[in-house]
N, C-alpha and C. Protein backbone atom coordinates (compact mmCIF):
# COMPACT_ATOMS: atom_id res chain seq x y z
N MET A 1 -12.28 -16.25 12.79
CA MET A 1 -13.05 -15.14 12.29
C MET A 1 -14.51 -15.52 12.39
N THR A 2 -15.31 -14.60 12.88
CA THR A 2 -16.74 -14.85 13.02
C THR A 2 -17.50 -13.93 12.08
N THR A 3 -18.36 -14.52 11.28
CA THR A 3 -19.21 -13.75 10.38
C THR A 3 -20.65 -14.21 10.55
N ASP A 4 -21.55 -13.48 9.93
CA ASP A 4 -22.94 -13.93 9.95
C ASP A 4 -23.10 -15.05 8.92
N LYS A 5 -24.32 -15.44 8.66
CA LYS A 5 -24.59 -16.61 7.82
C LYS A 5 -24.56 -16.31 6.32
N ASN A 6 -24.14 -15.14 5.92
CA ASN A 6 -24.08 -14.80 4.51
C ASN A 6 -23.11 -15.74 3.80
N PRO A 7 -23.56 -16.47 2.76
CA PRO A 7 -22.69 -17.45 2.10
C PRO A 7 -21.51 -16.83 1.37
N ALA A 8 -21.56 -15.56 1.05
CA ALA A 8 -20.46 -14.91 0.34
C ALA A 8 -19.19 -14.87 1.19
N TYR A 9 -19.34 -14.77 2.50
CA TYR A 9 -18.16 -14.71 3.38
C TYR A 9 -17.34 -15.99 3.28
N GLY A 10 -18.00 -17.14 3.30
CA GLY A 10 -17.28 -18.41 3.22
C GLY A 10 -16.47 -18.53 1.95
N LYS A 11 -17.07 -18.16 0.83
CA LYS A 11 -16.38 -18.23 -0.46
C LYS A 11 -15.20 -17.25 -0.48
N ALA A 12 -15.41 -16.03 0.00
CA ALA A 12 -14.34 -15.03 0.00
C ALA A 12 -13.18 -15.46 0.89
N ILE A 13 -13.49 -16.01 2.05
CA ILE A 13 -12.43 -16.45 2.97
C ILE A 13 -11.65 -17.60 2.36
N LYS A 14 -12.34 -18.52 1.71
CA LYS A 14 -11.67 -19.65 1.06
C LYS A 14 -10.71 -19.15 -0.01
N GLU A 15 -11.16 -18.19 -0.83
CA GLU A 15 -10.30 -17.64 -1.88
C GLU A 15 -9.10 -16.90 -1.29
N LEU A 16 -9.32 -16.14 -0.22
CA LEU A 16 -8.21 -15.42 0.41
C LEU A 16 -7.19 -16.37 1.03
N LYS A 17 -7.65 -17.50 1.55
CA LYS A 17 -6.72 -18.51 2.07
C LYS A 17 -5.90 -19.11 0.94
N GLU A 18 -6.55 -19.41 -0.19
CA GLU A 18 -5.84 -19.98 -1.34
C GLU A 18 -4.81 -19.02 -1.90
N GLU A 19 -5.09 -17.72 -1.86
CA GLU A 19 -4.16 -16.71 -2.35
C GLU A 19 -3.05 -16.41 -1.35
N GLY A 20 -3.18 -16.92 -0.13
CA GLY A 20 -2.17 -16.69 0.89
C GLY A 20 -2.35 -15.40 1.66
N ILE A 21 -3.43 -14.70 1.43
CA ILE A 21 -3.69 -13.45 2.15
C ILE A 21 -4.10 -13.74 3.58
N LEU A 22 -4.91 -14.77 3.76
CA LEU A 22 -5.30 -15.23 5.10
C LEU A 22 -4.57 -16.52 5.42
N SER A 23 -4.29 -16.72 6.68
CA SER A 23 -3.61 -17.92 7.13
C SER A 23 -4.47 -19.16 6.89
N LYS A 24 -3.82 -20.25 6.52
CA LYS A 24 -4.54 -21.52 6.33
C LYS A 24 -5.13 -22.00 7.65
N ASN A 25 -4.57 -21.56 8.78
CA ASN A 25 -5.04 -21.99 10.11
C ASN A 25 -6.24 -21.18 10.61
N LEU A 26 -6.63 -20.16 9.88
CA LEU A 26 -7.74 -19.32 10.30
C LEU A 26 -9.03 -20.14 10.36
N GLN A 27 -9.71 -20.02 11.48
CA GLN A 27 -10.99 -20.71 11.63
C GLN A 27 -12.12 -19.73 11.33
N HIS A 28 -13.05 -20.16 10.52
CA HIS A 28 -14.20 -19.32 10.17
C HIS A 28 -15.43 -19.87 10.86
N ARG A 29 -16.02 -19.05 11.73
CA ARG A 29 -17.26 -19.44 12.41
C ARG A 29 -18.38 -18.60 11.85
N GLN A 30 -19.49 -19.25 11.55
CA GLN A 30 -20.67 -18.53 11.09
C GLN A 30 -21.71 -18.60 12.18
N SER A 31 -22.03 -17.45 12.73
CA SER A 31 -23.01 -17.40 13.80
C SER A 31 -23.79 -16.10 13.69
N LYS A 32 -25.08 -16.23 13.82
CA LYS A 32 -25.93 -15.05 13.73
C LYS A 32 -25.74 -14.14 14.95
N TYR A 33 -25.39 -14.70 16.09
CA TYR A 33 -25.42 -13.95 17.34
C TYR A 33 -24.06 -13.50 17.85
N LEU A 34 -22.97 -14.14 17.44
CA LEU A 34 -21.66 -13.79 17.98
C LEU A 34 -21.18 -12.41 17.53
N ASN A 35 -21.70 -11.90 16.45
CA ASN A 35 -21.29 -10.59 15.96
C ASN A 35 -22.19 -9.47 16.45
N ASN A 36 -23.08 -9.75 17.38
CA ASN A 36 -24.04 -8.74 17.81
C ASN A 36 -23.39 -7.49 18.38
N ILE A 37 -22.28 -7.62 19.09
CA ILE A 37 -21.61 -6.45 19.67
C ILE A 37 -21.14 -5.53 18.56
N ILE A 38 -20.52 -6.10 17.55
CA ILE A 38 -20.04 -5.30 16.42
C ILE A 38 -21.21 -4.70 15.67
N GLU A 39 -22.22 -5.50 15.42
CA GLU A 39 -23.38 -5.02 14.67
C GLU A 39 -24.10 -3.90 15.41
N SER A 40 -24.13 -3.96 16.73
CA SER A 40 -24.82 -2.90 17.47
C SER A 40 -24.08 -1.57 17.32
N ASP A 41 -22.74 -1.60 17.31
CA ASP A 41 -21.98 -0.37 17.06
C ASP A 41 -22.22 0.11 15.63
N HIS A 42 -22.23 -0.81 14.69
CA HIS A 42 -22.45 -0.47 13.29
C HIS A 42 -23.83 0.17 13.11
N ARG A 43 -24.81 -0.32 13.83
CA ARG A 43 -26.17 0.22 13.73
C ARG A 43 -26.19 1.69 14.16
N LYS A 44 -25.43 2.02 15.20
CA LYS A 44 -25.37 3.42 15.66
C LYS A 44 -24.78 4.33 14.58
N ILE A 45 -23.76 3.84 13.93
CA ILE A 45 -23.13 4.63 12.87
C ILE A 45 -24.09 4.79 11.69
N LYS A 46 -24.75 3.70 11.31
CA LYS A 46 -25.70 3.78 10.20
C LYS A 46 -26.82 4.77 10.48
N SER A 47 -27.28 4.81 11.73
CA SER A 47 -28.38 5.72 12.05
C SER A 47 -27.95 7.19 11.95
N ARG A 48 -26.67 7.46 12.12
CA ARG A 48 -26.18 8.83 11.99
C ARG A 48 -25.91 9.19 10.52
N ILE A 49 -25.52 8.20 9.73
CA ILE A 49 -25.17 8.45 8.34
C ILE A 49 -26.41 8.57 7.45
N ARG A 50 -27.43 7.78 7.73
CA ARG A 50 -28.61 7.73 6.87
C ARG A 50 -29.22 9.11 6.60
N PRO A 51 -29.40 9.98 7.62
CA PRO A 51 -29.98 11.30 7.33
C PRO A 51 -29.11 12.15 6.39
N MET A 52 -27.81 11.85 6.34
CA MET A 52 -26.91 12.62 5.48
C MET A 52 -26.88 12.08 4.05
N LEU A 53 -27.61 11.01 3.79
CA LEU A 53 -27.66 10.37 2.47
C LEU A 53 -26.27 9.92 2.01
N GLY A 54 -25.51 9.39 2.92
CA GLY A 54 -24.18 8.91 2.57
C GLY A 54 -23.15 10.03 2.54
N PHE A 55 -22.00 9.75 1.97
CA PHE A 55 -20.92 10.72 1.90
C PHE A 55 -20.58 10.99 0.44
N GLN A 56 -20.12 12.20 0.17
CA GLN A 56 -19.78 12.58 -1.20
C GLN A 56 -18.33 12.25 -1.54
N SER A 57 -17.49 12.08 -0.52
CA SER A 57 -16.09 11.77 -0.79
C SER A 57 -15.52 10.95 0.36
N PHE A 58 -14.37 10.33 0.09
CA PHE A 58 -13.70 9.56 1.13
C PHE A 58 -13.27 10.48 2.26
N LYS A 59 -12.85 11.69 1.93
CA LYS A 59 -12.37 12.63 2.94
C LYS A 59 -13.47 12.95 3.96
N THR A 60 -14.67 13.24 3.48
CA THR A 60 -15.76 13.55 4.41
C THR A 60 -16.18 12.32 5.20
N ALA A 61 -16.16 11.16 4.56
CA ALA A 61 -16.50 9.92 5.26
C ALA A 61 -15.50 9.66 6.38
N ASN A 62 -14.22 9.83 6.08
CA ASN A 62 -13.17 9.59 7.07
C ASN A 62 -13.33 10.52 8.27
N ARG A 63 -13.57 11.79 8.01
CA ARG A 63 -13.71 12.75 9.10
C ARG A 63 -14.95 12.46 9.95
N ALA A 64 -16.05 12.19 9.29
CA ALA A 64 -17.29 11.93 10.04
C ALA A 64 -17.19 10.66 10.87
N LEU A 65 -16.62 9.61 10.29
CA LEU A 65 -16.51 8.35 11.03
C LEU A 65 -15.53 8.47 12.20
N LYS A 66 -14.46 9.24 12.03
CA LYS A 66 -13.55 9.48 13.15
C LYS A 66 -14.29 10.14 14.31
N GLY A 67 -15.10 11.12 13.98
CA GLY A 67 -15.85 11.83 15.02
C GLY A 67 -16.86 10.93 15.70
N ILE A 68 -17.58 10.15 14.91
CA ILE A 68 -18.59 9.25 15.48
C ILE A 68 -17.92 8.22 16.38
N GLU A 69 -16.82 7.63 15.91
CA GLU A 69 -16.11 6.63 16.71
C GLU A 69 -15.56 7.25 17.99
N ALA A 70 -15.03 8.47 17.90
CA ALA A 70 -14.51 9.13 19.10
C ALA A 70 -15.61 9.35 20.12
N MET A 71 -16.76 9.80 19.66
CA MET A 71 -17.87 10.05 20.58
C MET A 71 -18.37 8.74 21.21
N ILE A 72 -18.43 7.68 20.42
CA ILE A 72 -18.85 6.38 20.97
C ILE A 72 -17.86 5.91 22.02
N MET A 73 -16.55 6.09 21.75
CA MET A 73 -15.53 5.70 22.73
C MET A 73 -15.70 6.49 24.02
N MET A 74 -16.00 7.77 23.91
CA MET A 74 -16.18 8.59 25.10
C MET A 74 -17.42 8.15 25.88
N ILE A 75 -18.50 7.90 25.17
CA ILE A 75 -19.74 7.48 25.83
C ILE A 75 -19.54 6.16 26.56
N LYS A 76 -18.82 5.23 25.92
CA LYS A 76 -18.59 3.91 26.52
C LYS A 76 -17.43 3.92 27.51
N GLN A 77 -16.77 5.05 27.65
CA GLN A 77 -15.60 5.19 28.53
C GLN A 77 -14.53 4.16 28.18
N GLN A 78 -14.23 4.07 26.89
CA GLN A 78 -13.25 3.10 26.40
C GLN A 78 -11.89 3.74 26.13
N SER A 79 -11.67 4.91 26.63
CA SER A 79 -10.43 5.59 26.30
C SER A 79 -9.67 5.97 27.56
N TYR A 80 -8.37 5.85 27.48
CA TYR A 80 -7.48 6.18 28.59
C TYR A 80 -7.59 7.65 28.97
N PHE A 81 -7.79 8.52 27.96
CA PHE A 81 -7.76 9.96 28.24
C PHE A 81 -8.88 10.41 29.17
N LEU A 82 -9.93 9.62 29.33
CA LEU A 82 -11.03 10.03 30.21
C LEU A 82 -10.59 10.10 31.67
N ARG A 83 -9.49 9.43 32.00
CA ARG A 83 -8.98 9.47 33.37
C ARG A 83 -7.97 10.61 33.56
N GLN A 84 -7.76 11.39 32.51
CA GLN A 84 -6.80 12.48 32.53
C GLN A 84 -7.51 13.80 32.85
N PRO A 85 -6.73 14.82 33.24
CA PRO A 85 -7.33 16.15 33.46
C PRO A 85 -7.98 16.67 32.17
N ILE A 86 -8.87 17.61 32.32
CA ILE A 86 -9.64 18.13 31.18
C ILE A 86 -8.73 18.70 30.09
N GLN A 87 -7.60 19.31 30.47
CA GLN A 87 -6.69 19.86 29.47
C GLN A 87 -6.14 18.76 28.57
N GLU A 88 -5.84 17.60 29.16
CA GLU A 88 -5.34 16.47 28.37
C GLU A 88 -6.43 15.92 27.46
N GLN A 89 -7.66 15.92 27.93
CA GLN A 89 -8.77 15.47 27.10
C GLN A 89 -8.94 16.38 25.89
N VAL A 90 -8.84 17.69 26.12
CA VAL A 90 -8.96 18.66 25.03
C VAL A 90 -7.84 18.44 24.02
N LYS A 91 -6.61 18.23 24.49
CA LYS A 91 -5.48 17.98 23.60
C LYS A 91 -5.72 16.72 22.77
N PHE A 92 -6.26 15.68 23.40
CA PHE A 92 -6.54 14.43 22.70
C PHE A 92 -7.53 14.65 21.56
N VAL A 93 -8.62 15.34 21.85
CA VAL A 93 -9.65 15.59 20.83
C VAL A 93 -9.08 16.47 19.72
N ASN A 94 -8.29 17.47 20.07
CA ASN A 94 -7.67 18.32 19.06
C ASN A 94 -6.74 17.52 18.16
N ARG A 95 -5.94 16.62 18.73
CA ARG A 95 -5.06 15.77 17.92
C ARG A 95 -5.88 14.85 17.02
N LEU A 96 -6.95 14.32 17.56
CA LEU A 96 -7.79 13.40 16.80
C LEU A 96 -8.34 14.06 15.54
N PHE A 97 -8.74 15.31 15.66
CA PHE A 97 -9.36 16.01 14.53
C PHE A 97 -8.40 16.98 13.84
N ASN A 98 -7.11 16.87 14.14
CA ASN A 98 -6.10 17.74 13.54
C ASN A 98 -6.42 19.21 13.74
N VAL A 99 -6.83 19.57 14.94
CA VAL A 99 -7.13 20.96 15.29
C VAL A 99 -5.96 21.46 16.13
N TYR A 100 -5.39 22.57 15.71
CA TYR A 100 -4.27 23.12 16.46
C TYR A 100 -4.64 24.53 16.90
N ALA A 101 -4.61 24.74 18.21
CA ALA A 101 -4.97 26.07 18.72
C ALA A 101 -3.73 26.82 19.13
């Protein structure tokens, strides 16, 4: 597991190992730079959420984050459905957002 240099992560991981939640064989690496890919995605999400002043409920947070993640996947072409015909893409997005036409 790779985390940044925040000392709280080390303590939390140690406690989770002692409780048996995490494997004793788990290696914890602390590196400022190895998490940059994840942090860059997180930054994009934060920039979209900040103007909304956060979320009022878990339900709205879940829906908004699903949409943001779906759009990021499409932009990065990380999804199988992009190689499918447009009708299949529409079905995928409708399923993702529980939209039934």
